Amino acid sequence: RDVEDEELTRIFVMIPKSYTEEDLREKFKMYGDIEYCSI
């Protein structure tokens, strides 16, 4: 459970500096249910 939560569900991405967290969520929500986004 620790591994699934920590290592396999969080991705790291390179984005335009103009992106907000809402922009990030909008771009990646099509792939699944997002728990949170952070910049």
Full PDB file with SEQRES, HELIX, SHEET, SSBOND, CRYST1, ORIGX, SCALE, CONECT and MASTER records, all heavy atoms in Angstrom:
SEQRES   1 A   39  ARG ASP VAL GLU ASP GLU GLU LEU THR ARG ILE PHE VAL          
SEQRES   2 A   39  MET ILE PRO LYS SER TYR THR GLU GLU ASP LEU ARG GLU          
SEQRES   3 A   39  LYS PHE LYS MET TYR GLY ASP ILE GLU TYR CYS SER ILE          
HELIX    1 AA1 ASP A    2  GLU A    7  1                                   6    
HELIX    2 AA2 GLU A   21  PHE A   28  1                                   8    
HELIX    3 AA3 LYS A   29  TYR A   31  5                                   3    
CRYST1    1.000    1.000    1.000  90.00  90.00  90.00 P 1           1          
ORIGX1      1.000000  0.000000  0.000000        0.00000                         
ORIGX2      0.000000  1.000000  0.000000        0.00000                         
ORIGX3      0.000000  0.000000  1.000000        0.00000                         
SCALE1      1.000000  0.000000  0.000000        0.00000                         
SCALE2      0.000000  1.000000  0.000000        0.00000                         
SCALE3      0.000000  0.000000  1.000000        0.00000                         
ATOM      1  N   ARG A   1       0.827  -1.205   0.000  1.00  0.00           N  
ATOM      2  CA  ARG A   1       0.000   0.000   0.000  1.00  0.00           C  
ATOM      3  C   ARG A   1       0.862   1.256   0.000  1.00  0.00           C  
ATOM      4  O   ARG A   1       0.602   2.202  -0.709  1.00  0.00           O  
ATOM      5  CB  ARG A   1      -0.926  -0.013   1.220  1.00  0.00           C  
ATOM      6  CG  ARG A   1      -1.739   1.258   1.407  1.00  0.00           C  
ATOM      7  CD  ARG A   1      -2.602   1.584   0.187  1.00  0.00           C  
ATOM      8  NE  ARG A   1      -3.454   0.480  -0.189  1.00  0.00           N  
ATOM      9  CZ  ARG A   1      -4.200   0.465  -1.286  1.00  0.00           C  
ATOM     10  NH1 ARG A   1      -4.161   1.485  -2.129  1.00  0.00           N  
ATOM     11  NH2 ARG A   1      -4.962  -0.567  -1.565  1.00  0.00           N  
ATOM     12  N   ASP A   2       1.953   1.235   0.809  1.00  0.00           N  
ATOM     13  CA  ASP A   2       2.853   2.392   0.847  1.00  0.00           C  
ATOM     14  C   ASP A   2       3.457   2.637  -0.523  1.00  0.00           C  
ATOM     15  O   ASP A   2       3.542   3.754  -0.996  1.00  0.00           O  
ATOM     16  CB  ASP A   2       3.987   2.169   1.863  1.00  0.00           C  
ATOM     17  CG  ASP A   2       3.484   2.172   3.292  1.00  0.00           C  
ATOM     18  OD1 ASP A   2       2.387   2.723   3.505  1.00  0.00           O  
ATOM     19  OD2 ASP A   2       4.171   1.625   4.175  1.00  0.00           O  
ATOM     20  N   VAL A   3       3.897   1.553  -1.171  1.00  0.00           N  
ATOM     21  CA  VAL A   3       4.530   1.687  -2.480  1.00  0.00           C  
ATOM     22  C   VAL A   3       3.529   2.198  -3.504  1.00  0.00           C  
ATOM     23  O   VAL A   3       3.807   3.088  -4.295  1.00  0.00           O  
ATOM     24  CB  VAL A   3       5.116   0.332  -2.936  1.00  0.00           C  
ATOM     25  CG1 VAL A   3       5.610   0.423  -4.371  1.00  0.00           C  
ATOM     26  CG2 VAL A   3       6.252  -0.076  -2.015  1.00  0.00           C  
ATOM     27  N   GLU A   4       2.327   1.634  -3.477  1.00  0.00           N  
ATOM     28  CA  GLU A   4       1.303   2.048  -4.440  1.00  0.00           C  
ATOM     29  C   GLU A   4       0.980   3.535  -4.275  1.00  0.00           C  
ATOM     30  O   GLU A   4       0.859   4.273  -5.239  1.00  0.00           O  
ATOM     31  CB  GLU A   4       0.049   1.205  -4.243  1.00  0.00           C  
ATOM     32  CG  GLU A   4      -1.042   1.529  -5.237  1.00  0.00           C  
ATOM     33  CD  GLU A   4      -2.209   0.573  -5.131  1.00  0.00           C  
ATOM     34  OE1 GLU A   4      -1.985  -0.638  -5.159  1.00  0.00           O  
ATOM     35  OE2 GLU A   4      -3.342   1.070  -5.008  1.00  0.00           O  
ATOM     36  N   ASP A   5       0.873   3.967  -3.012  1.00  0.00           N  
ATOM     37  CA  ASP A   5       0.527   5.361  -2.765  1.00  0.00           C  
ATOM     38  C   ASP A   5       1.671   6.302  -3.091  1.00  0.00           C  
ATOM     39  O   ASP A   5       1.470   7.373  -3.663  1.00  0.00           O  
ATOM     40  CB  ASP A   5       0.121   5.545  -1.298  1.00  0.00           C  
ATOM     41  CG  ASP A   5      -1.253   4.944  -1.015  1.00  0.00           C  
ATOM     42  OD1 ASP A   5      -1.935   4.600  -1.995  1.00  0.00           O  
ATOM     43  OD2 ASP A   5      -1.607   4.807   0.162  1.00  0.00           O  
ATOM     44  N   GLU A   6       2.894   5.910  -2.713  1.00  0.00           N  
ATOM     45  CA  GLU A   6       4.010   6.838  -2.826  1.00  0.00           C  
ATOM     46  C   GLU A   6       4.695   6.819  -4.189  1.00  0.00           C  
ATOM     47  O   GLU A   6       5.087   7.845  -4.705  1.00  0.00           O  
ATOM     48  CB  GLU A   6       5.062   6.522  -1.742  1.00  0.00           C  
ATOM     49  CG  GLU A   6       4.742   7.128  -0.401  1.00  0.00           C  
ATOM     50  CD  GLU A   6       4.721   8.651  -0.448  1.00  0.00           C  
ATOM     51  OE1 GLU A   6       5.639   9.258  -1.006  1.00  0.00           O  
ATOM     52  OE2 GLU A   6       3.759   9.223   0.059  1.00  0.00           O  
ATOM     53  N   GLU A   7       4.895   5.620  -4.758  1.00  0.00           N  
ATOM     54  CA  GLU A   7       5.791   5.505  -5.897  1.00  0.00           C  
ATOM     55  C   GLU A   7       5.104   5.297  -7.240  1.00  0.00           C  
ATOM     56  O   GLU A   7       5.720   5.530  -8.269  1.00  0.00           O  
ATOM     57  CB  GLU A   7       6.774   4.346  -5.662  1.00  0.00           C  
ATOM     58  CG  GLU A   7       7.667   4.576  -4.448  1.00  0.00           C  
ATOM     59  CD  GLU A   7       8.635   3.423  -4.249  1.00  0.00           C  
ATOM     60  OE1 GLU A   7       8.830   2.648  -5.196  1.00  0.00           O  
ATOM     61  OE2 GLU A   7       9.179   3.300  -3.147  1.00  0.00           O  
ATOM     62  N   LEU A   8       3.869   4.858  -7.242  1.00  0.00           N  
ATOM     63  CA  LEU A   8       3.277   4.452  -8.510  1.00  0.00           C  
ATOM     64  C   LEU A   8       2.119   5.323  -8.971  1.00  0.00           C  
ATOM     65  O   LEU A   8       1.585   5.100 -10.048  1.00  0.00           O  
ATOM     66  CB  LEU A   8       2.799   2.993  -8.416  1.00  0.00           C  
ATOM     67  CG  LEU A   8       3.854   1.974  -7.983  1.00  0.00           C  
ATOM     68  CD1 LEU A   8       3.231   0.597  -7.889  1.00  0.00           C  
ATOM     69  CD2 LEU A   8       5.018   1.982  -8.943  1.00  0.00           C  
ATOM     70  N   THR A   9       1.706   6.287  -8.163  1.00  0.00           N  
ATOM     71  CA  THR A   9       0.553   7.104  -8.557  1.00  0.00           C  
ATOM     72  C   THR A   9       0.918   8.555  -8.830  1.00  0.00           C  
ATOM     73  O   THR A   9       0.081   9.309  -9.300  1.00  0.00           O  
ATOM     74  CB  THR A   9      -0.529   7.074  -7.455  1.00  0.00           C  
ATOM     75  OG1 THR A   9       0.040   7.557  -6.233  1.00  0.00           O  
ATOM     76  CG2 THR A   9      -1.069   5.670  -7.242  1.00  0.00           C  
ATOM     77  N   ARG A  10       2.172   8.947  -8.538  1.00  0.00           N  
ATOM     78  CA  ARG A  10       2.564  10.351  -8.680  1.00  0.00           C  
ATOM     79  C   ARG A  10       3.532  10.490  -9.846  1.00  0.00           C  
ATOM     80  O   ARG A  10       4.517   9.777  -9.920  1.00  0.00           O  
ATOM     81  CB  ARG A  10       3.245  10.815  -7.386  1.00  0.00           C  
ATOM     82  CG  ARG A  10       2.983  12.269  -7.039  1.00  0.00           C  
ATOM     83  CD  ARG A  10       3.317  12.553  -5.581  1.00  0.00           C  
ATOM     84  NE  ARG A  10       4.646  12.159  -5.224  1.00  0.00           N  
ATOM     85  CZ  ARG A  10       5.630  12.998  -4.906  1.00  0.00           C  
ATOM     86  NH1 ARG A  10       5.418  14.296  -4.925  1.00  0.00           N  
ATOM     87  NH2 ARG A  10       6.819  12.556  -4.568  1.00  0.00           N  
ATOM     88  N   ILE A  11       3.214  11.408 -10.779  1.00  0.00           N  
ATOM     89  CA  ILE A  11       4.105  11.637 -11.914  1.00  0.00           C  
ATOM     90  C   ILE A  11       4.692  13.039 -11.839  1.00  0.00           C  
ATOM     91  O   ILE A  11       4.133  13.942 -11.210  1.00  0.00           O  
ATOM     92  CB  ILE A  11       3.400  11.413 -13.273  1.00  0.00           C  
ATOM     93  CG1 ILE A  11       2.329  12.484 -13.527  1.00  0.00           C  
ATOM     94  CG2 ILE A  11       2.807  10.018 -13.345  1.00  0.00           C  
ATOM     95  CD1 ILE A  11       1.744  12.420 -14.933  1.00  0.00           C  
ATOM     96  N   PHE A  12       5.855  13.193 -12.478  1.00  0.00           N  
ATOM     97  CA  PHE A  12       6.615  14.437 -12.468  1.00  0.00           C  
ATOM     98  C   PHE A  12       6.688  14.917 -13.911  1.00  0.00           C  
ATOM     99  O   PHE A  12       7.053  14.143 -14.800  1.00  0.00           O  
ATOM    100  CB  PHE A  12       8.014  14.137 -11.923  1.00  0.00           C  
ATOM    101  CG  PHE A  12       8.851  15.348 -11.622  1.00  0.00           C  
ATOM    102  CD1 PHE A  12       8.549  16.157 -10.545  1.00  0.00           C  
ATOM    103  CD2 PHE A  12       9.959  15.659 -12.393  1.00  0.00           C  
ATOM    104  CE1 PHE A  12       9.342  17.252 -10.233  1.00  0.00           C  
ATOM    105  CE2 PHE A  12      10.760  16.743 -12.096  1.00  0.00           C  
ATOM    106  CZ  PHE A  12      10.452  17.541 -11.013  1.00  0.00           C  
ATOM    107  N   VAL A  13       6.322  16.168 -14.168  1.00  0.00           N  
ATOM    108  CA  VAL A  13       6.234  16.650 -15.548  1.00  0.00           C  
ATOM    109  C   VAL A  13       6.906  18.011 -15.714  1.00  0.00           C  
ATOM    110  O   VAL A  13       7.009  18.793 -14.771  1.00  0.00           O  
ATOM    111  CB  VAL A  13       4.762  16.756 -16.019  1.00  0.00           C  
ATOM    112  CG1 VAL A  13       4.120  15.392 -16.077  1.00  0.00           C  
ATOM    113  CG2 VAL A  13       3.955  17.668 -15.101  1.00  0.00           C  
ATOM    114  N   MET A  14       7.358  18.262 -16.951  1.00  0.00           N  
ATOM    115  CA  MET A  14       7.910  19.564 -17.318  1.00  0.00           C  
ATOM    116  C   MET A  14       6.801  20.349 -18.024  1.00  0.00           C  
ATOM    117  O   MET A  14       6.195  19.850 -18.974  1.00  0.00           O  
ATOM    118  CB  MET A  14       9.115  19.377 -18.236  1.00  0.00           C  
ATOM    119  CG  MET A  14       9.844  20.660 -18.592  1.00  0.00           C  
ATOM    120  SD  MET A  14      11.279  20.339 -19.676  1.00  0.00           S  
ATOM    121  CE  MET A  14      12.362  19.458 -18.547  1.00  0.00           C  
ATOM    122  N   ILE A  15       6.512  21.563 -17.553  1.00  0.00           N  
ATOM    123  CA  ILE A  15       5.374  22.334 -18.057  1.00  0.00           C  
ATOM    124  C   ILE A  15       5.796  23.768 -18.358  1.00  0.00           C  
ATOM    125  O   ILE A  15       6.819  24.241 -17.849  1.00  0.00           O  
ATOM    126  CB  ILE A  15       4.224  22.356 -17.015  1.00  0.00           C  
ATOM    127  CG1 ILE A  15       4.738  22.877 -15.669  1.00  0.00           C  
ATOM    128  CG2 ILE A  15       3.603  20.977 -16.864  1.00  0.00           C  
ATOM    129  CD1 ILE A  15       3.691  23.035 -14.599  1.00  0.00           C  
ATOM    130  N   PRO A  16       5.010  24.494 -19.165  1.00  0.00           N  
ATOM    131  CA  PRO A  16       5.281  25.921 -19.361  1.00  0.00           C  
ATOM    132  C   PRO A  16       5.182  26.672 -18.031  1.00  0.00           C  
ATOM    133  O   PRO A  16       4.344  26.344 -17.183  1.00  0.00           O  
ATOM    134  CB  PRO A  16       4.170  26.354 -20.325  1.00  0.00           C  
ATOM    135  CG  PRO A  16       3.756  25.100 -21.028  1.00  0.00           C  
ATOM    136  CD  PRO A  16       3.905  24.010 -20.026  1.00  0.00           C  
ATOM    137  N   LYS A  17       6.024  27.656 -17.832  1.00  0.00           N  
ATOM    138  CA  LYS A  17       6.025  28.391 -16.568  1.00  0.00           C  
ATOM    139  C   LYS A  17       4.741  29.181 -16.352  1.00  0.00           C  
ATOM    140  O   LYS A  17       4.452  29.618 -15.246  1.00  0.00           O  
ATOM    141  CB  LYS A  17       7.236  29.316 -16.504  1.00  0.00           C  
ATOM    142  CG  LYS A  17       8.556  28.560 -16.386  1.00  0.00           C  
ATOM    143  CD  LYS A  17       9.737  29.497 -16.187  1.00  0.00           C  
ATOM    144  CE  LYS A  17      11.015  28.704 -15.993  1.00  0.00           C  
ATOM    145  NZ  LYS A  17      12.190  29.572 -15.762  1.00  0.00           N  
ATOM    146  N   SER A  18       3.965  29.349 -17.424  1.00  0.00           N  
ATOM    147  CA  SER A  18       2.704  30.096 -17.299  1.00  0.00           C  
ATOM    148  C   SER A  18       1.575  29.238 -16.733  1.00  0.00           C  
ATOM    149  O   SER A  18       0.523  29.756 -16.357  1.00  0.00           O  
ATOM    150  CB  SER A  18       2.295  30.650 -18.666  1.00  0.00           C  
ATOM    151  OG  SER A  18       2.112  29.574 -19.591  1.00  0.00           O  
ATOM    152  N   TYR A  19       1.776  27.900 -16.657  1.00  0.00           N  
ATOM    153  CA  TYR A  19       0.719  27.003 -16.198  1.00  0.00           C  
ATOM    154  C   TYR A  19       0.346  27.257 -14.742  1.00  0.00           C  
ATOM    155  O   TYR A  19       1.210  27.455 -13.889  1.00  0.00           O  
ATOM    156  CB  TYR A  19       1.168  25.543 -16.322  1.00  0.00           C  
ATOM    157  CG  TYR A  19       0.805  24.869 -17.629  1.00  0.00           C  
ATOM    158  CD1 TYR A  19       0.717  25.598 -18.807  1.00  0.00           C  
ATOM    159  CD2 TYR A  19       0.568  23.495 -17.702  1.00  0.00           C  
ATOM    160  CE1 TYR A  19       0.405  24.984 -20.003  1.00  0.00           C  
ATOM    161  CE2 TYR A  19       0.264  22.870 -18.889  1.00  0.00           C  
ATOM    162  CZ  TYR A  19       0.179  23.623 -20.039  1.00  0.00           C  
ATOM    163  OH  TYR A  19      -0.129  23.007 -21.229  1.00  0.00           O  
ATOM    164  N   THR A  20      -0.964  27.207 -14.470  1.00  0.00           N  
ATOM    165  CA  THR A  20      -1.458  27.194 -13.092  1.00  0.00           C  
ATOM    166  C   THR A  20      -1.787  25.741 -12.737  1.00  0.00           C  
ATOM    167  O   THR A  20      -1.778  24.861 -13.608  1.00  0.00           O  
ATOM    168  CB  THR A  20      -2.727  28.040 -12.945  1.00  0.00           C  
ATOM    169  OG1 THR A  20      -3.769  27.452 -13.754  1.00  0.00           O  
ATOM    170  CG2 THR A  20      -2.481  29.481 -13.412  1.00  0.00           C  
ATOM    171  N   GLU A  21      -2.094  25.488 -11.469  1.00  0.00           N  
ATOM    172  CA  GLU A  21      -2.467  24.132 -11.074  1.00  0.00           C  
ATOM    173  C   GLU A  21      -3.740  23.681 -11.793  1.00  0.00           C  
ATOM    174  O   GLU A  21      -3.904  22.508 -12.116  1.00  0.00           O  
ATOM    175  CB  GLU A  21      -2.647  24.065  -9.556  1.00  0.00           C  
ATOM    176  CG  GLU A  21      -1.329  24.202  -8.801  1.00  0.00           C  
ATOM    177  CD  GLU A  21      -1.490  24.092  -7.299  1.00  0.00           C  
ATOM    178  OE1 GLU A  21      -2.630  23.895  -6.836  1.00  0.00           O  
ATOM    179  OE2 GLU A  21      -0.475  24.201  -6.594  1.00  0.00           O  
ATOM    180  N   GLU A  22      -4.630  24.638 -12.068  1.00  0.00           N  
ATOM    181  CA  GLU A  22      -5.862  24.312 -12.793  1.00  0.00           C  
ATOM    182  C   GLU A  22      -5.551  23.925 -14.236  1.00  0.00           C  
ATOM    183  O   GLU A  22      -6.156  22.998 -14.796  1.00  0.00           O  
ATOM    184  CB  GLU A  22      -6.823  25.505 -12.753  1.00  0.00           C  
ATOM    185  CG  GLU A  22      -8.229  25.178 -13.251  1.00  0.00           C  
ATOM    186  CD  GLU A  22      -8.871  24.012 -12.501  1.00  0.00           C  
ATOM    187  OE1 GLU A  22      -8.706  23.929 -11.267  1.00  0.00           O  
ATOM    188  OE2 GLU A  22      -9.527  23.176 -13.158  1.00  0.00           O  
ATOM    189  N   ASP A  23      -4.585  24.618 -14.859  1.00  0.00           N  
ATOM    190  CA  ASP A  23      -4.161  24.260 -16.214  1.00  0.00           C  
ATOM    191  C   ASP A  23      -3.599  22.837 -16.233  1.00  0.00           C  
ATOM    192  O   ASP A  23      -3.881  22.042 -17.136  1.00  0.00           O  
ATOM    193  CB  ASP A  23      -3.089  25.226 -16.720  1.00  0.00           C  
ATOM    194  CG  ASP A  23      -3.634  26.628 -16.934  1.00  0.00           C  
ATOM    195  OD1 ASP A  23      -4.822  26.756 -17.265  1.00  0.00           O  
ATOM    196  OD2 ASP A  23      -2.862  27.594 -16.765  1.00  0.00           O  
ATOM    197  N   LEU A  24      -2.767  22.531 -15.233  1.00  0.00           N  
ATOM    198  CA  LEU A  24      -2.149  21.217 -15.138  1.00  0.00           C  
ATOM    199  C   LEU A  24      -3.206  20.124 -14.979  1.00  0.00           C  
ATOM    200  O   LEU A  24      -3.169  19.094 -15.646  1.00  0.00           O  
ATOM    201  CB  LEU A  24      -1.176  21.198 -13.950  1.00  0.00           C  
ATOM    202  CG  LEU A  24      -0.289  19.968 -13.782  1.00  0.00           C  
ATOM    203  CD1 LEU A  24       0.524  19.696 -15.038  1.00  0.00           C  
ATOM    204  CD2 LEU A  24       0.637  20.153 -12.579  1.00  0.00           C  
ATOM    205  N   ARG A  25      -4.174  20.378 -14.119  1.00  0.00           N  
ATOM    206  CA  ARG A  25      -5.257  19.415 -13.907  1.00  0.00           C  
ATOM    207  C   ARG A  25      -6.060  19.212 -15.194  1.00  0.00           C  
ATOM    208  O   ARG A  25      -6.428  18.082 -15.545  1.00  0.00           O  
ATOM    209  CB  ARG A  25      -6.171  19.902 -12.776  1.00  0.00           C  
ATOM    210  CG  ARG A  25      -7.345  18.976 -12.484  1.00  0.00           C  
ATOM    211  CD  ARG A  25      -8.222  19.548 -11.381  1.00  0.00           C  
ATOM    212  NE  ARG A  25      -7.537  19.601 -10.109  1.00  0.00           N  
ATOM    213  CZ  ARG A  25      -7.497  18.599  -9.243  1.00  0.00           C  
ATOM    214  NH1 ARG A  25      -8.136  17.462  -9.512  1.00  0.00           N  
ATOM    215  NH2 ARG A  25      -6.858  18.712  -8.100  1.00  0.00           N  
ATOM    216  N   GLU A  26      -6.324  20.292 -15.907  1.00  0.00           N  
ATOM    217  CA  GLU A  26      -7.120  20.220 -17.134  1.00  0.00           C  
ATOM    218  C   GLU A  26      -6.423  19.363 -18.190  1.00  0.00           C  
ATOM    219  O   GLU A  26      -7.069  18.594 -18.909  1.00  0.00           O  
ATOM    220  CB  GLU A  26      -7.346  21.643 -17.670  1.00  0.00           C  
ATOM    221  CG  GLU A  26      -8.331  21.733 -18.828  1.00  0.00           C  
ATOM    222  CD  GLU A  26      -9.763  21.346 -18.426  1.00  0.00           C  
ATOM    223  OE1 GLU A  26     -10.128  21.506 -17.235  1.00  0.00           O  
ATOM    224  OE2 GLU A  26     -10.505  20.889 -19.321  1.00  0.00           O  
ATOM    225  N   LYS A  27      -5.084  19.495 -18.278  1.00  0.00           N  
ATOM    226  CA  LYS A  27      -4.327  18.752 -19.287  1.00  0.00           C  
ATOM    227  C   LYS A  27      -4.237  17.258 -18.988  1.00  0.00           C  
ATOM    228  O   LYS A  27      -4.129  16.433 -19.898  1.00  0.00           O  
ATOM    229  CB  LYS A  27      -2.911  19.331 -19.403  1.00  0.00           C  
ATOM    230  CG  LYS A  27      -2.851  20.734 -19.998  1.00  0.00           C  
ATOM    231  CD  LYS A  27      -3.227  20.733 -21.470  1.00  0.00           C  
ATOM    232  CE  LYS A  27      -3.086  22.125 -22.077  1.00  0.00           C  
ATOM    233  NZ  LYS A  27      -3.478  22.137 -23.498  1.00  0.00           N  
ATOM    234  N   PHE A  28      -4.264  16.895 -17.699  1.00  0.00           N  
ATOM    235  CA  PHE A  28      -4.004  15.506 -17.327  1.00  0.00           C  
ATOM    236  C   PHE A  28      -5.219  14.752 -16.788  1.00  0.00           C  
ATOM    237  O   PHE A  28      -5.126  13.573 -16.497  1.00  0.00           O  
ATOM    238  CB  PHE A  28      -2.852  15.445 -16.315  1.00  0.00           C  
ATOM    239  CG  PHE A  28      -1.502  15.624 -16.955  1.00  0.00           C  
ATOM    240  CD1 PHE A  28      -0.979  16.892 -17.150  1.00  0.00           C  
ATOM    241  CD2 PHE A  28      -0.768  14.532 -17.380  1.00  0.00           C  
ATOM    242  CE1 PHE A  28       0.261  17.061 -17.748  1.00  0.00           C  
ATOM    243  CE2 PHE A  28       0.467  14.690 -17.984  1.00  0.00           C  
ATOM    244  CZ  PHE A  28       0.991  15.963 -18.176  1.00  0.00           C  
ATOM    245  N   LYS A  29      -6.369  15.419 -16.675  1.00  0.00           N  
ATOM    246  CA  LYS A  29      -7.544  14.736 -16.120  1.00  0.00           C  
ATOM    247  C   LYS A  29      -8.107  13.679 -17.053  1.00  0.00           C  
ATOM    248  O   LYS A  29      -8.839  12.790 -16.625  1.00  0.00           O  
ATOM    249  CB  LYS A  29      -8.628  15.753 -15.753  1.00  0.00           C  
ATOM    250  CG  LYS A  29      -9.287  16.432 -16.949  1.00  0.00           C  
ATOM    251  CD  LYS A  29     -10.359  17.417 -16.488  1.00  0.00           C  
ATOM    252  CE  LYS A  29     -11.095  18.056 -17.666  1.00  0.00           C  
ATOM    253  NZ  LYS A  29     -12.126  19.020 -17.204  1.00  0.00           N  
ATOM    254  N   MET A  30      -7.780  13.750 -18.343  1.00  0.00           N  
ATOM    255  CA  MET A  30      -8.310  12.777 -19.304  1.00  0.00           C  
ATOM    256  C   MET A  30      -7.751  11.370 -19.076  1.00  0.00           C  
ATOM    257  O   MET A  30      -8.298  10.388 -19.564  1.00  0.00           O  
ATOM    258  CB  MET A  30      -7.999  13.224 -20.735  1.00  0.00           C  
ATOM    259  CG  MET A  30      -6.536  13.162 -21.105  1.00  0.00           C  
ATOM    260  SD  MET A  30      -6.228  13.693 -22.814  1.00  0.00           S  
ATOM    261  CE  MET A  30      -6.471  15.455 -22.666  1.00  0.00           C  
ATOM    262  N   TYR A  31      -6.649  11.266 -18.310  1.00  0.00           N  
ATOM    263  CA  TYR A  31      -6.029   9.958 -18.113  1.00  0.00           C  
ATOM    264  C   TYR A  31      -6.512   9.247 -16.847  1.00  0.00           C  
ATOM    265  O   TYR A  31      -6.191   8.087 -16.639  1.00  0.00           O  
ATOM    266  CB  TYR A  31      -4.505  10.111 -18.077  1.00  0.00           C  
ATOM    267  CG  TYR A  31      -3.973  10.854 -19.278  1.00  0.00           C  
ATOM    268  CD1 TYR A  31      -3.375  12.108 -19.142  1.00  0.00           C  
ATOM    269  CD2 TYR A  31      -4.106  10.328 -20.562  1.00  0.00           C  
ATOM    270  CE1 TYR A  31      -2.909  12.806 -20.240  1.00  0.00           C  
ATOM    271  CE2 TYR A  31      -3.641  11.013 -21.672  1.00  0.00           C  
ATOM    272  CZ  TYR A  31      -3.048  12.254 -21.508  1.00  0.00           C  
ATOM    273  OH  TYR A  31      -2.593  12.945 -22.604  1.00  0.00           O  
ATOM    274  N   GLY A  32      -7.257   9.953 -15.985  1.00  0.00           N  
ATOM    275  CA  GLY A  32      -7.752   9.303 -14.788  1.00  0.00           C  
ATOM    276  C   GLY A  32      -8.153  10.295 -13.709  1.00  0.00           C  
ATOM    277  O   GLY A  32      -8.120  11.518 -13.920  1.00  0.00           O  
ATOM    278  N   ASP A  33      -8.533   9.762 -12.558  1.00  0.00           N  
ATOM    279  CA  ASP A  33      -8.983  10.591 -11.437  1.00  0.00           C  
ATOM    280  C   ASP A  33      -7.785  11.177 -10.705  1.00  0.00           C  
ATOM    281  O   ASP A  33      -6.957  10.444 -10.155  1.00  0.00           O  
ATOM    282  CB  ASP A  33      -9.817   9.750 -10.471  1.00  0.00           C  
ATOM    283  CG  ASP A  33     -11.052   9.158 -11.154  1.00  0.00           C  
ATOM    284  OD1 ASP A  33     -11.695   9.907 -11.924  1.00  0.00           O  
ATOM    285  OD2 ASP A  33     -11.361   7.982 -10.922  1.00  0.00           O  
ATOM    286  N   ILE A  34      -7.702  12.499 -10.691  1.00  0.00           N  
ATOM    287  CA  ILE A  34      -6.562  13.184 -10.084  1.00  0.00           C  
ATOM    288  C   ILE A  34      -6.859  13.495  -8.617  1.00  0.00           C  
ATOM    289  O   ILE A  34      -7.892  14.068  -8.291  1.00  0.00           O  
ATOM    290  CB  ILE A  34      -6.238  14.480 -10.854  1.00  0.00           C  
ATOM    291  CG1 ILE A  34      -5.752  14.133 -12.265  1.00  0.00           C  
ATOM    292  CG2 ILE A  34      -5.195  15.311 -10.106  1.00  0.00           C  
ATOM    293  CD1 ILE A  34      -5.501  15.339 -13.145  1.00  0.00           C  
ATOM    294  N   GLU A  35      -5.926  13.112  -7.745  1.00  0.00           N  
ATOM    295  CA  GLU A  35      -6.067  13.434  -6.320  1.00  0.00           C  
ATOM    296  C   GLU A  35      -5.607  14.861  -6.050  1.00  0.00           C  
ATOM    297  O   GLU A  35      -6.257  15.609  -5.338  1.00  0.00           O  
ATOM    298  CB  GLU A  35      -5.249  12.448  -5.477  1.00  0.00           C  
ATOM    299  CG  GLU A  35      -5.457  12.647  -3.988  1.00  0.00           C  
ATOM    300  CD  GLU A  35      -4.796  11.545  -3.180  1.00  0.00           C  
ATOM    301  OE1 GLU A  35      -4.638  10.422  -3.699  1.00  0.00           O  
ATOM    302  OE2 GLU A  35      -4.448  11.810  -2.020  1.00  0.00           O  
ATOM    303  N   TYR A  36      -4.455  15.223  -6.623  1.00  0.00           N  
ATOM    304  CA  TYR A  36      -4.017  16.616  -6.511  1.00  0.00           C  
ATOM    305  C   TYR A  36      -2.970  16.927  -7.574  1.00  0.00           C  
ATOM    306  O   TYR A  36      -2.339  16.035  -8.129  1.00  0.00           O  
ATOM    307  CB  TYR A  36      -3.456  16.928  -5.117  1.00  0.00           C  
ATOM    308  CG  TYR A  36      -2.136  16.265  -4.793  1.00  0.00           C  
ATOM    309  CD1 TYR A  36      -0.922  16.739  -5.297  1.00  0.00           C  
ATOM    310  CD2 TYR A  36      -2.092  15.163  -3.943  1.00  0.00           C  
ATOM    311  CE1 TYR A  36       0.270  16.129  -4.994  1.00  0.00           C  
ATOM    312  CE2 TYR A  36      -0.891  14.550  -3.629  1.00  0.00           C  
ATOM    313  CZ  TYR A  36       0.286  15.042  -4.161  1.00  0.00           C  
ATOM    314  OH  TYR A  36       1.482  14.431  -3.863  1.00  0.00           O  
ATOM    315  N   CYS A  37      -2.808  18.227  -7.849  1.00  0.00           N  
ATOM    316  CA  CYS A  37      -1.748  18.730  -8.719  1.00  0.00           C  
ATOM    317  C   CYS A  37      -0.959  19.771  -7.934  1.00  0.00           C  
ATOM    318  O   CYS A  37      -1.527  20.502  -7.122  1.00  0.00           O  
ATOM    319  CB  CYS A  37      -2.314  19.398  -9.975  1.00  0.00           C  
ATOM    320  SG  CYS A  37      -3.214  18.302 -11.080  1.00  0.00           S  
ATOM    321  N   SER A  38       0.323  19.854  -8.185  1.00  0.00           N  
ATOM    322  CA  SER A  38       1.108  20.906  -7.540  1.00  0.00           C  
ATOM    323  C   SER A  38       2.198  21.374  -8.494  1.00  0.00           C  
ATOM    324  O   SER A  38       2.722  20.587  -9.290  1.00  0.00           O  
ATOM    325  CB  SER A  38       1.723  20.410  -6.232  1.00  0.00           C  
ATOM    326  OG  SER A  38       2.609  19.345  -6.470  1.00  0.00           O  
ATOM    327  N   ILE A  39       2.517  22.641  -8.427  1.00  0.00           N  
ATOM    328  CA  ILE A  39       3.550  23.236  -9.267  1.00  0.00           C  
ATOM    329  C   ILE A  39       4.728  23.637  -8.376  1.00  0.00           C  
ATOM    330  O   ILE A  39       4.539  24.233  -7.305  1.00  0.00           O  
ATOM    331  CB  ILE A  39       3.004  24.452 -10.025  1.00  0.00           C  
ATOM    332  CG1 ILE A  39       1.967  23.979 -11.067  1.00  0.00           C  
ATOM    333  CG2 ILE A  39       4.126  25.232 -10.707  1.00  0.00           C  
ATOM    334  CD1 ILE A  39       1.287  25.103 -11.817  1.00  0.00           C  
TER     335      ILE A  39                                                      
MASTER        0    0    0    3    0    0    0    6  334    1    0    3          
END                                                                             
